[in-house]
């Protein structure tokens, strides 16, 4: 089974080797057909502490690393200004 991948924006990097990534998802309402944006925050492992706030990153599913950290940062797609 392939690992899940998501792309999102880093909203916090205050923890050591951990970044909080906000991932947006877009779905169509079943009755009114309006596009609705929902978002969820994921705690992701950042081994080298390379991420800064506002960076766009790609995260991948991994083994549980702590109580609520189950994702790992694979690459920084775009650095923040």
Protein backbone atom coordinates (compact mmCIF):
# COMPACT_ATOMS: atom_id res chain seq x y z
CA UNK A 1 0.00 0.00 0.00
CA UNK A 2 1.53 3.36 -1.00
CA UNK A 3 2.14 6.03 1.63
CA UNK A 4 -0.15 9.06 1.65
CA UNK A 5 1.33 12.38 0.59
CA UNK A 6 -0.01 15.86 1.27
CA UNK A 7 1.15 19.40 0.59
CA UNK A 8 0.65 22.31 2.94
CA UNK A 9 2.01 25.44 4.58
CA UNK A 10 4.12 25.47 7.74
CA UNK A 11 2.31 27.53 10.37
CA UNK A 12 4.62 26.84 13.33
CA UNK A 13 8.18 25.59 13.76
CA UNK A 14 8.70 26.47 17.43
CA UNK A 15 9.14 22.85 18.52
CA UNK A 16 12.46 21.02 18.13
CA UNK A 17 12.47 18.73 15.06
CA UNK A 18 8.71 19.25 14.57
CA UNK A 19 6.68 21.54 12.33
CA UNK A 20 2.93 22.10 12.25
CA UNK A 21 1.68 21.94 8.65
CA UNK A 22 -1.74 23.26 7.58
CA UNK A 23 -3.20 21.20 4.72
CA UNK A 24 -6.21 22.52 2.78
CA UNK A 25 -8.73 20.24 1.09
CA UNK A 26 -11.41 21.33 -1.38
CA UNK A 27 -14.73 19.48 -1.72
CA UNK A 28 -17.96 20.20 -3.53
CA UNK A 29 -21.11 20.47 -1.43
CA UNK A 30 -23.41 17.56 -2.35
CA UNK A 31 -26.58 19.65 -2.72
CA UNK A 32 -25.47 23.21 -3.51
CA UNK A 33 -22.32 22.35 -5.52
CA UNK A 34 -20.30 25.14 -3.92
CA UNK A 35 -16.60 24.46 -3.42
CA UNK A 36 -15.86 24.34 0.31
CA UNK A 37 -12.35 24.60 1.76
CA UNK A 38 -11.57 22.62 4.86
CA UNK A 39 -8.17 22.49 6.50
CA UNK A 40 -6.40 20.34 9.06
CA UNK A 41 -3.15 20.73 10.97
CA UNK A 42 -0.59 17.92 11.00
CA UNK A 43 2.51 17.68 13.17
CA UNK A 44 5.38 16.55 10.94
CA UNK A 45 8.93 15.41 11.74
CA UNK A 46 11.59 17.87 10.56
CA UNK A 47 14.93 16.20 11.38
CA UNK A 48 17.24 19.07 10.31
CA UNK A 49 14.95 21.95 11.37
CA UNK A 50 15.09 23.35 7.82
CA UNK A 51 11.48 24.62 7.65
CA UNK A 52 10.44 28.16 8.42
CA UNK A 53 6.98 29.61 8.89
CA UNK A 54 5.22 30.16 5.58
CA UNK A 55 7.17 27.49 3.66
CA UNK A 56 5.21 25.20 1.37
CA UNK A 57 6.22 21.60 2.14
CA UNK A 58 5.35 18.07 1.07
CA UNK A 59 4.69 15.58 3.90
CA UNK A 60 4.44 11.81 3.80
CA UNK A 61 2.84 9.34 6.17
CA UNK A 62 5.26 7.48 8.45
CA UNK A 63 5.40 5.42 11.63
CA UNK A 64 4.24 7.04 14.88
CA UNK A 65 7.13 9.16 16.16
CA UNK A 66 5.37 10.55 19.25
CA UNK A 67 1.91 10.85 20.73
CA UNK A 68 0.50 12.79 17.79
CA UNK A 69 3.31 12.99 15.19
CA UNK A 70 2.73 10.56 12.29
CA UNK A 71 3.99 12.55 9.28
CA UNK A 72 7.45 13.45 8.02
CA UNK A 73 8.58 16.33 5.82
CA UNK A 74 10.00 15.07 2.53
CA UNK A 75 10.89 18.33 0.78
CA UNK A 76 10.45 22.07 0.89
CA UNK A 77 8.57 22.97 -2.28
CA UNK A 78 8.76 26.74 -1.86
CA UNK A 79 10.57 28.87 0.72
CA UNK A 80 8.79 31.84 2.30
CA UNK A 81 10.08 35.34 1.62
